[in-house]
């Protein structure tokens, strides 16, 4: 139902567009504003003019913006204004008043951990649809969007399905243990019902008295219970396993590689790189083994030629979540010499993964595979939110695999065999991905009908219990 209540939005991604060659060198901007260190830099179009977007403080700090034409700073509220511009682009709403703009550095009830991206801006418009848009500004992208109806449904889901209210009176451990206990009771009840009403029904169906008839309630409780016994077991078993995995906190957001780089390390300015700027989509900064590098994102092949046609429909919403992107080719140039780094994308991905793995250099396992991932599939599903990422698979007994996002230096996901087995259980026994080839709407309908069957047998059982008493 959450998918069916999903509001409409005009655009969900930004179109690939050529970057601009800055008129003012980055080094000059840093010197003029007495900036000795920075963590990252990007090129953005800010209210019609080219600008440097600089991250100077902690990774969650507000970026600062400087004109790439004049070198002047664009104001302390520049990040908010940029976020509002992004929100207006995604909604294609240039007229509605912005009623609130709030920067989130932590998750909230309306923007829970499942959204993964932080920090983001929450932009709410005074529009008839009451749309609220969450955008990330560095890099610029849509995080999620909601209207009041879906937001209320998700709050209800959090309270009634994941039992978040238990954390208000206890903590996550209490919530998980209570849920697993009750799910175990459901599994035991289902198995006992299957035995009594199925395999041993001939014995138990005999009335103890002439007046003790099976009755309408008992008959229908038995029929519906047998029909949904399998889905009840699969729901309860996969749900309990999934809940148990929540005892171990998901700390992926703790892992980000964005060290402060001294301005003096930028011996070659970004404007001095041997680039064809008509084919450059953006530029960023990365640190690898103590050396600073420029990440140069190339436009996708079909965006480089004017003959490729108009891009007015680029990023249009399909009504479904975005599950694939066109990954840009990324080249790494030394900020000290301007020379390109051979296999830079592979080297940086492996460096990030090794940093996040938490092993000393002499204990790092061998790497079996490094690959670009530009779509959600299998063990790296939509729940992880970040694309494109690099997959780094290790030769370990548990087949440890890390997915890293080079554009932000973040860990997108870590997957071990235990995660794979539980993920398969939850996907096929709880969310019914096995019928996913028939379409998401069919899968959602099957899931809803199964849940309705479980609800029906529960209500019939309660009614029967009350009648007997």
Protein backbone atom coordinates (compact mmCIF):
# COMPACT_ATOMS: atom_id res chain seq x y z
CA UNK A 1 0.00 0.00 0.00
CA UNK A 2 2.89 2.35 0.67
CA UNK A 3 3.90 2.04 -2.97
CA UNK A 4 0.33 2.73 -4.12
CA UNK A 5 0.18 5.83 -1.91
CA UNK A 6 3.44 7.14 -3.35
CA UNK A 7 2.84 10.72 -4.55
CA UNK A 8 3.83 11.90 -8.00
CA UNK A 9 6.83 14.09 -8.68
CA UNK A 10 7.94 15.52 -12.01
CA UNK A 11 11.67 14.67 -11.89
CA UNK A 12 13.64 12.19 -9.81
CA UNK A 13 17.18 12.70 -11.13
CA UNK A 14 19.23 15.60 -12.47
CA UNK A 15 20.05 15.45 -16.19
CA UNK A 16 23.72 15.00 -17.12
CA UNK A 17 24.94 18.43 -18.24
CA UNK A 18 28.39 19.75 -19.16
CA UNK A 19 30.27 21.48 -16.39
CA UNK A 20 31.82 24.91 -16.84
CA UNK A 21 35.47 25.84 -16.85
CA UNK A 22 35.86 28.17 -13.85
CA UNK A 23 37.06 31.67 -14.71
CA UNK A 24 38.68 32.08 -11.27
CA UNK A 25 41.14 29.33 -10.23
CA UNK A 26 40.27 27.34 -7.12
CA UNK A 27 43.63 28.19 -5.56
CA UNK A 28 42.87 31.91 -5.90
CA UNK A 29 39.51 31.47 -4.12
CA UNK A 30 41.19 29.57 -1.29
CA UNK A 31 43.92 32.19 -0.91
CA UNK A 32 41.56 35.18 -1.07
CA UNK A 33 39.36 33.73 1.68
CA UNK A 34 42.25 32.40 3.80
CA UNK A 35 41.13 28.78 3.49
CA UNK A 36 44.00 26.48 4.39
CA UNK A 37 42.18 23.11 4.29
CA UNK A 38 39.18 21.63 2.52
CA UNK A 39 37.48 18.25 2.44
CA UNK A 40 35.81 18.39 -0.94
CA UNK A 41 34.93 20.64 -3.85
CA UNK A 42 32.28 20.46 -6.55
CA UNK A 43 31.17 22.61 -9.44
CA UNK A 44 27.51 23.66 -9.31
CA UNK A 45 25.20 26.04 -11.11
CA UNK A 46 23.98 28.43 -8.45
CA UNK A 47 21.08 30.71 -9.41
CA UNK A 48 22.28 30.90 -12.99
CA UNK A 49 25.98 31.34 -12.33
CA UNK A 50 28.85 28.85 -12.00
CA UNK A 51 30.07 28.32 -8.45
CA UNK A 52 32.48 26.33 -6.33
CA UNK A 53 30.79 24.28 -3.61
CA UNK A 54 33.34 23.73 -0.84
CA UNK A 55 33.12 21.40 2.15
CA UNK A 56 35.56 22.76 4.71
CA UNK A 57 34.59 21.46 8.13
CA UNK A 58 33.22 18.09 9.27
CA UNK A 59 31.52 15.88 6.63
CA UNK A 60 28.11 16.97 7.99
CA UNK A 61 28.98 20.69 7.93
CA UNK A 62 27.15 23.14 5.68
CA UNK A 63 29.04 23.66 2.40
CA UNK A 64 30.14 27.15 1.43
CA UNK A 65 29.64 28.60 -2.05
CA UNK A 66 31.92 30.87 -4.05
CA UNK A 67 31.35 32.39 -7.46
CA UNK A 68 33.56 30.77 -10.10
CA UNK A 69 33.37 34.04 -12.09
CA UNK A 70 34.39 36.55 -9.44
CA UNK A 71 35.62 34.47 -6.49
CA UNK A 72 33.23 36.17 -4.02
CA UNK A 73 31.34 34.16 -1.39
CA UNK A 74 27.65 33.75 -2.16
CA UNK A 75 26.27 34.20 1.33
CA UNK A 76 25.73 32.17 4.52
CA UNK A 77 22.32 30.92 3.33
CA UNK A 78 23.60 29.71 -0.04
CA UNK A 79 23.17 26.00 0.76
CA UNK A 80 19.52 26.53 1.68
CA UNK A 81 18.91 28.49 -1.52
CA UNK A 82 20.61 25.77 -3.55
CA UNK A 83 18.46 23.11 -1.85
CA UNK A 84 15.31 25.08 -2.66
CA UNK A 85 16.40 25.32 -6.31
CA UNK A 86 16.89 21.56 -6.42
CA UNK A 87 13.49 20.96 -4.82
CA UNK A 88 11.83 23.26 -7.35
CA UNK A 89 13.54 21.43 -10.19
CA UNK A 90 12.44 18.00 -8.98
CA UNK A 91 8.84 19.18 -8.48
CA UNK A 92 8.91 21.50 -11.53
CA UNK A 93 7.19 24.03 -9.28
CA UNK A 94 8.51 27.55 -9.70
CA UNK A 95 5.61 29.40 -8.10
CA UNK A 96 4.55 27.75 -4.83
CA UNK A 97 5.83 29.40 -1.68
CA UNK A 98 8.31 27.47 0.46
CA UNK A 99 6.70 27.17 3.88
CA UNK A 100 9.71 25.63 5.62
CA UNK A 101 13.30 24.67 4.89
CA UNK A 102 15.01 22.55 7.55
CA UNK A 103 18.45 20.96 7.36
CA UNK A 104 18.55 17.47 8.87
CA UNK A 105 21.77 15.97 10.18
CA UNK A 106 19.96 13.09 11.89
CA UNK A 107 17.01 10.86 11.13
CA UNK A 108 13.50 11.72 12.30
CA UNK A 109 10.10 10.04 12.48
CA UNK A 110 9.21 11.47 9.05
CA UNK A 111 12.68 10.85 7.61
CA UNK A 112 13.78 7.52 9.15
CA UNK A 113 17.01 5.57 8.79
CA UNK A 114 15.64 3.60 5.85
CA UNK A 115 16.34 6.67 3.66
CA UNK A 116 20.09 6.36 4.36
CA UNK A 117 21.19 9.79 3.03
CA UNK A 118 22.39 12.53 5.40
CA UNK A 119 22.62 15.45 5.72
CA UNK A 120 19.57 16.54 3.71
CA UNK A 121 17.29 19.54 3.42
CA UNK A 122 13.57 19.10 4.09
CA UNK A 123 11.74 21.51 1.80
CA UNK A 124 7.96 21.91 2.18
CA UNK A 125 5.86 23.79 -0.37
CA UNK A 126 2.54 25.59 0.09
CA UNK A 127 1.13 23.58 -2.80
CA UNK A 128 -2.28 21.83 -3.04
CA UNK A 129 -0.59 18.41 -2.89
CA UNK A 130 1.33 19.37 0.29
CA UNK A 131 4.51 17.86 -1.11
CA UNK A 132 7.63 17.70 1.07
CA UNK A 133 10.92 17.11 -0.74
CA UNK A 134 14.17 15.92 0.84
CA UNK A 135 17.30 16.82 -1.13
CA UNK A 136 21.00 16.29 -0.65
CA UNK A 137 23.15 19.18 -1.84
CA UNK A 138 26.60 17.55 -1.93
CA UNK A 139 26.24 15.69 -4.21
CA UNK A 140 23.05 17.21 -5.56
CA UNK A 141 20.29 14.59 -5.67
CA UNK A 142 16.78 13.74 -4.54
CA UNK A 143 16.66 11.77 -1.29
CA UNK A 144 12.90 11.14 -1.03
CA UNK A 145 9.56 12.92 -1.13
CA UNK A 146 6.23 12.61 0.66
CA UNK A 147 2.79 14.11 0.98
CA UNK A 148 0.74 14.23 4.23
CA UNK A 149 -1.24 11.08 3.35
CA UNK A 150 1.79 8.88 2.75
CA UNK A 151 3.67 10.43 5.68
CA UNK A 152 0.77 9.49 8.00
CA UNK A 153 0.70 5.96 6.55
CA UNK A 154 4.45 5.53 7.12
CA UNK A 155 4.11 6.72 10.71
CA UNK A 156 1.33 4.17 11.23
CA UNK A 157 3.52 1.49 9.63
CA UNK A 158 6.36 2.38 11.98
CA UNK A 159 4.10 2.10 15.03
CA UNK A 160 2.12 -1.01 14.08
CA UNK A 161 4.56 -3.04 11.97
CA UNK A 162 8.05 -2.28 13.26
CA UNK A 163 6.74 -1.40 16.74
CA UNK A 164 8.86 1.71 17.07
CA UNK A 165 6.74 2.77 20.06
CA UNK A 166 8.53 0.13 22.15
CA UNK A 167 11.73 2.15 21.86
CA UNK A 168 9.95 5.00 23.63
CA UNK A 169 9.50 2.88 26.76
CA UNK A 170 12.61 0.76 26.40
CA UNK A 171 15.24 0.50 23.68
CA UNK A 172 15.93 -1.36 20.46
CA UNK A 173 16.86 -4.58 22.30
CA UNK A 174 13.54 -4.59 24.18
CA UNK A 175 11.67 -3.98 20.93
CA UNK A 176 13.41 -6.84 19.12
CA UNK A 177 13.04 -9.34 21.95
CA UNK A 178 9.32 -8.59 22.40
CA UNK A 179 8.72 -8.92 18.66
CA UNK A 180 10.67 -12.18 18.37
CA UNK A 181 8.84 -13.64 21.38
CA UNK A 182 5.43 -12.87 19.89
CA UNK A 183 6.47 -14.07 16.44
CA UNK A 184 7.60 -17.34 18.04
CA UNK A 185 4.17 -17.67 19.65
CA UNK A 186 2.60 -17.15 16.22
CA UNK A 187 4.78 -19.88 14.69
CA UNK A 188 3.97 -22.33 17.50
CA UNK A 189 0.26 -21.53 17.22
CA UNK A 190 0.34 -22.01 13.47
CA UNK A 191 2.11 -25.36 13.75
CA UNK A 192 -0.27 -26.57 16.46
CA UNK A 193 -3.24 -25.45 14.38
CA UNK A 194 -1.84 -27.23 11.34
CA UNK A 195 -1.50 -30.44 13.36
CA UNK A 196 -4.89 -30.28 15.06
CA UNK A 197 -6.97 -28.93 12.17
CA UNK A 198 -5.03 -30.73 9.46
CA UNK A 199 -3.19 -33.95 10.21
CA UNK A 200 -5.28 -34.97 13.30
CA UNK A 201 -8.62 -33.47 12.31
CA UNK A 202 -10.41 -36.84 12.20
CA UNK A 203 -9.71 -37.30 15.88
CA UNK A 204 -10.48 -33.78 17.03
CA UNK A 205 -13.52 -33.17 14.86
CA UNK A 206 -15.62 -35.77 16.75
CA UNK A 207 -18.01 -33.89 19.03
CA UNK A 208 -17.77 -34.76 22.70
CA UNK A 209 -21.53 -34.29 23.11
CA UNK A 210 -24.44 -34.62 20.75
CA UNK A 211 -25.07 -30.89 21.06
CA UNK A 212 -21.39 -29.99 20.46
CA UNK A 213 -21.43 -29.31 16.73
CA UNK A 214 -18.51 -27.99 14.68
CA UNK A 215 -20.42 -24.89 13.80
CA UNK A 216 -19.89 -22.18 11.20
CA UNK A 217 -17.10 -20.39 13.08
CA UNK A 218 -14.98 -23.47 13.72
CA UNK A 219 -15.38 -24.70 10.15
CA UNK A 220 -14.35 -21.40 8.57
CA UNK A 221 -11.55 -20.85 11.07
CA UNK A 222 -10.17 -24.25 10.08
CA UNK A 223 -10.54 -23.70 6.31
CA UNK A 224 -8.99 -20.21 6.29
CA UNK A 225 -6.31 -21.24 8.80
CA UNK A 226 -5.18 -24.18 6.66
CA UNK A 227 -5.21 -22.00 3.55
CA UNK A 228 -2.93 -19.34 5.07
CA UNK A 229 -0.84 -21.56 7.36
CA UNK A 230 2.13 -21.52 4.99
CA UNK A 231 2.17 -17.74 4.53
CA UNK A 232 1.69 -17.26 8.27
CA UNK A 233 4.78 -19.36 8.93
CA UNK A 234 6.80 -17.59 6.24
CA UNK A 235 5.75 -14.14 7.49
CA UNK A 236 6.52 -14.98 11.11
CA UNK A 237 9.76 -16.87 10.50
CA UNK A 238 11.29 -14.32 8.10
CA UNK A 239 10.08 -11.46 10.29
CA UNK A 240 11.65 -12.95 13.41
CA UNK A 241 14.96 -13.56 11.62
CA UNK A 242 14.91 -10.03 10.22
CA UNK A 243 14.18 -8.58 13.65
CA UNK A 244 17.01 -10.56 15.26
CA UNK A 245 19.45 -9.04 12.78
CA UNK A 246 18.40 -5.62 14.11
CA UNK A 247 20.06 -6.43 17.44
CA UNK A 248 23.32 -5.56 15.70
CA UNK A 249 23.15 -1.83 14.91
CA UNK A 250 23.61 -0.70 11.31
CA UNK A 251 26.54 1.70 11.53
CA UNK A 252 27.30 2.24 7.86
CA UNK A 253 26.95 6.01 8.19
CA UNK A 254 29.93 6.05 10.56
CA UNK A 255 32.17 5.10 7.66
CA UNK A 256 33.18 7.99 5.44
CA UNK A 257 36.59 8.92 4.12
CA UNK A 258 36.72 12.69 3.77
CA UNK A 259 39.93 13.92 5.43
CA UNK A 260 40.95 17.56 5.43
CA UNK A 261 43.30 18.21 2.50
CA UNK A 262 45.79 21.07 2.81
CA UNK A 263 45.39 23.72 0.13
CA UNK A 264 49.13 23.50 -0.53
CA UNK A 265 48.63 19.93 -1.76
CA UNK A 266 46.73 21.30 -4.76
CA UNK A 267 49.87 22.07 -6.72
CA UNK A 268 47.94 21.91 -9.98
CA UNK A 269 44.70 23.87 -10.06
CA UNK A 270 41.57 22.22 -11.43
CA UNK A 271 41.53 24.83 -14.20
CA UNK A 272 44.97 23.61 -15.33
CA UNK A 273 43.97 19.98 -15.90
CA UNK A 274 44.14 18.74 -19.51
CA UNK A 275 40.35 18.40 -19.85
CA UNK A 276 37.83 18.78 -22.64
CA UNK A 277 35.35 20.72 -20.53
CA UNK A 278 32.49 20.01 -22.97
CA UNK A 279 32.72 16.38 -21.88
CA UNK A 280 33.11 17.01 -18.13
CA UNK A 281 30.06 16.56 -15.91
CA UNK A 282 31.64 17.52 -12.58
CA UNK A 283 34.84 17.62 -10.56
CA UNK A 284 35.41 16.56 -6.95
CA UNK A 285 38.28 15.91 -4.56
CA UNK A 286 39.51 12.59 -3.20
CA UNK A 287 42.36 11.52 -0.90
CA UNK A 288 44.13 8.26 -1.65
CA UNK A 289 47.11 6.99 0.34
CA UNK A 290 47.94 10.47 1.60
CA UNK A 291 47.78 12.07 -1.86
CA UNK A 292 45.09 14.42 -3.16
CA UNK A 293 43.38 13.67 -6.47
CA UNK A 294 40.74 15.37 -8.58
CA UNK A 295 37.82 13.12 -9.50
CA UNK A 296 36.70 14.10 -12.98
CA UNK A 297 33.24 12.77 -13.89
CA UNK A 298 32.75 12.44 -17.65
CA UNK A 299 29.40 12.89 -19.34
CA UNK A 300 27.75 9.64 -20.49
CA UNK A 301 28.54 8.87 -24.14
CA UNK A 302 25.10 9.81 -25.48
CA UNK A 303 25.23 13.18 -23.70
CA UNK A 304 28.49 14.35 -25.30
CA UNK A 305 27.13 14.87 -28.80
CA UNK A 306 24.60 17.56 -29.78
CA UNK A 307 23.20 15.01 -32.20
CA UNK A 308 21.90 12.96 -29.30
CA UNK A 309 18.77 15.12 -29.25
CA UNK A 310 16.92 17.17 -26.62
CA UNK A 311 17.24 16.18 -23.00
CA UNK A 312 13.96 17.69 -21.79
CA UNK A 313 12.72 14.34 -20.57
CA UNK A 314 15.90 13.43 -18.70
CA UNK A 315 15.20 12.50 -15.11
CA UNK A 316 11.42 12.29 -15.61
CA UNK A 317 9.63 10.28 -12.95
CA UNK A 318 8.24 6.94 -14.04
CA UNK A 319 6.00 6.66 -10.98
CA UNK A 320 8.31 4.00 -9.54
CA UNK A 321 11.52 4.40 -7.50
CA UNK A 322 14.70 4.89 -9.53
CA UNK A 323 16.51 1.54 -9.57
CA UNK A 324 19.27 2.22 -12.13
CA UNK A 325 21.49 5.11 -13.18
CA UNK A 326 23.87 5.90 -15.99
CA UNK A 327 27.21 5.86 -14.23
CA UNK A 328 29.73 8.44 -15.34
CA UNK A 329 33.26 7.41 -16.22
CA UNK A 330 35.56 8.82 -13.53
CA UNK A 331 39.20 9.71 -14.12
CA UNK A 332 41.57 10.56 -11.28
CA UNK A 333 44.20 13.28 -11.73
CA UNK A 334 46.96 13.96 -9.22
CA UNK A 335 46.40 17.34 -7.58
CA UNK A 336 50.17 17.63 -7.18
CA UNK A 337 51.29 16.87 -10.76
CA UNK A 338 48.14 16.82 -12.90
CA UNK A 339 48.97 13.32 -14.13
CA UNK A 340 46.13 10.77 -14.50
CA UNK A 341 46.11 7.79 -12.13
CA UNK A 342 46.01 4.43 -13.88
CA UNK A 343 42.95 2.37 -12.86
CA UNK A 344 42.02 5.21 -10.54
CA UNK A 345 38.42 4.11 -9.95
CA UNK A 346 39.52 0.59 -8.98
CA UNK A 347 42.35 1.83 -6.79
CA UNK A 348 40.14 4.31 -4.93
CA UNK A 349 37.31 1.80 -4.41
CA UNK A 350 39.73 -0.77 -3.00
CA UNK A 351 41.34 1.88 -0.79
CA UNK A 352 37.95 2.88 0.63
CA UNK A 353 36.89 -0.73 1.20
CA UNK A 354 40.17 -1.61 2.91
CA UNK A 355 39.82 1.46 5.14
CA UNK A 356 36.27 0.48 6.15
CA UNK A 357 37.02 -3.21 6.65
CA UNK A 358 38.78 -2.49 9.93
CA UNK A 359 41.77 -4.79 9.43
CA UNK A 360 45.44 -3.91 9.72
CA UNK A 361 47.42 -3.75 6.50
CA UNK A 362 49.11 -7.11 7.07
CA UNK A 363 45.78 -8.84 7.81
CA UNK A 364 43.76 -7.57 4.86
CA UNK A 365 42.23 -10.47 2.90
CA UNK A 366 42.75 -10.81 -0.83
CA UNK A 367 40.32 -9.00 -3.12
CA UNK A 368 38.48 -11.32 -5.50
CA UNK A 369 36.49 -8.78 -7.49
CA UNK A 370 36.07 -5.04 -7.98
CA UNK A 371 33.13 -3.99 -10.14
CA UNK A 372 30.95 -0.98 -10.92
CA UNK A 373 27.31 -1.33 -9.81
CA UNK A 374 24.84 1.00 -11.55
CA UNK A 375 21.55 -0.65 -10.53
CA UNK A 376 19.87 -2.27 -7.56
CA UNK A 377 19.76 -6.05 -7.75
CA UNK A 378 20.26 -9.12 -5.59
CA UNK A 379 22.18 -8.51 -2.38
CA UNK A 380 22.57 -4.80 -3.19
CA UNK A 381 18.89 -3.84 -3.23
CA UNK A 382 16.93 -0.61 -3.33
CA UNK A 383 17.07 -0.39 0.48
CA UNK A 384 20.69 0.81 0.17
CA UNK A 385 19.67 3.95 -1.80
CA UNK A 386 23.11 4.88 -3.18
CA UNK A 387 24.07 4.59 -6.87
CA UNK A 388 26.45 4.22 -8.58
CA UNK A 389 28.71 2.28 -6.21
CA UNK A 390 31.76 0.04 -6.49
CA UNK A 391 31.59 -3.55 -5.30
CA UNK A 392 34.71 -4.92 -3.59
CA UNK A 393 34.49 -8.65 -2.81
CA UNK A 394 37.00 -10.31 -0.47
CA UNK A 395 38.25 -13.89 -0.30
CA UNK A 396 37.00 -14.60 3.22
CA UNK A 397 35.07 -17.60 4.63
CA UNK A 398 31.96 -15.41 4.94
CA UNK A 399 32.45 -13.90 1.45
CA UNK A 400 32.60 -10.37 2.81
CA UNK A 401 31.63 -7.76 0.22
CA UNK A 402 31.72 -3.99 0.66
CA UNK A 403 29.87 -1.53 -1.54
CA UNK A 404 31.42 1.93 -1.51
CA UNK A 405 30.28 5.21 -3.06
CA UNK A 406 33.37 6.96 -4.47
CA UNK A 407 31.50 10.22 -5.09
CA UNK A 408 31.06 10.71 -1.33
CA UNK A 409 33.73 8.41 0.11
CA UNK A 410 31.00 6.56 2.05
CA UNK A 411 30.27 2.94 2.82
CA UNK A 412 26.99 2.07 1.08
CA UNK A 413 26.66 -1.49 2.44
CA UNK A 414 28.55 -4.41 3.90
CA UNK A 415 27.29 -7.91 3.08
CA UNK A 416 28.41 -11.20 4.63
CA UNK A 417 26.91 -14.65 4.18
CA UNK A 418 24.68 -14.18 7.23
CA UNK A 419 23.26 -11.03 5.60
CA UNK A 420 22.76 -12.85 2.30
CA UNK A 421 20.82 -15.72 3.86
CA UNK A 422 18.63 -13.40 5.91
CA UNK A 423 18.15 -11.09 2.93
CA UNK A 424 16.97 -13.98 0.75
CA UNK A 425 14.61 -15.12 3.49
CA UNK A 426 13.11 -11.65 3.90
CA UNK A 427 12.89 -10.97 0.16
CA UNK A 428 11.19 -14.23 -0.81
CA UNK A 429 9.29 -15.25 2.37
CA UNK A 430 8.22 -11.82 3.62
CA UNK A 431 8.13 -9.49 0.60
CA UNK A 432 7.39 -12.16 -2.04
CA UNK A 433 10.04 -11.11 -4.53
CA UNK A 434 9.55 -14.51 -6.12
CA UNK A 435 6.55 -13.09 -7.99
CA UNK A 436 8.40 -9.89 -8.82
CA UNK A 437 8.68 -10.86 -12.49
CA UNK A 438 4.90 -10.29 -12.75
CA UNK A 439 5.35 -6.65 -11.76
CA UNK A 440 5.53 -4.69 -8.53
CA UNK A 441 1.76 -4.11 -8.40
CA UNK A 442 1.07 -7.85 -8.68
CA UNK A 443 3.64 -8.59 -5.98
CA UNK A 444 2.11 -5.95 -3.69
CA UNK A 445 -1.38 -7.36 -4.31
CA UNK A 446 -0.25 -10.92 -3.49
CA UNK A 447 1.41 -9.68 -0.29
CA UNK A 448 -1.71 -7.75 0.74
CA UNK A 449 -4.02 -10.72 0.07
CA UNK A 450 -1.74 -12.98 2.10
CA UNK A 451 -1.71 -10.52 4.99
CA UNK A 452 -5.50 -10.18 4.74
CA UNK A 453 -5.81 -13.97 5.02
CA UNK A 454 -3.69 -14.01 8.17
CA UNK A 455 -5.83 -11.19 9.61
CA UNK A 456 -9.03 -13.09 8.75
CA UNK A 457 -7.98 -16.31 10.50
CA UNK A 458 -6.86 -14.29 13.54
CA UNK A 459 -10.23 -12.50 13.80
CA UNK A 460 -12.15 -15.77 13.33
CA UNK A 461 -10.01 -17.36 16.04
CA UNK A 462 -10.72 -14.52 18.46
CA UNK A 463 -14.41 -14.70 17.69
CA UNK A 464 -14.42 -18.47 18.25
CA UNK A 465 -12.51 -18.04 21.51
CA UNK A 466 -15.05 -15.49 22.74
CA UNK A 467 -17.96 -17.76 21.80
CA UNK A 468 -16.48 -20.74 23.62
CA UNK A 469 -15.88 -18.63 26.73
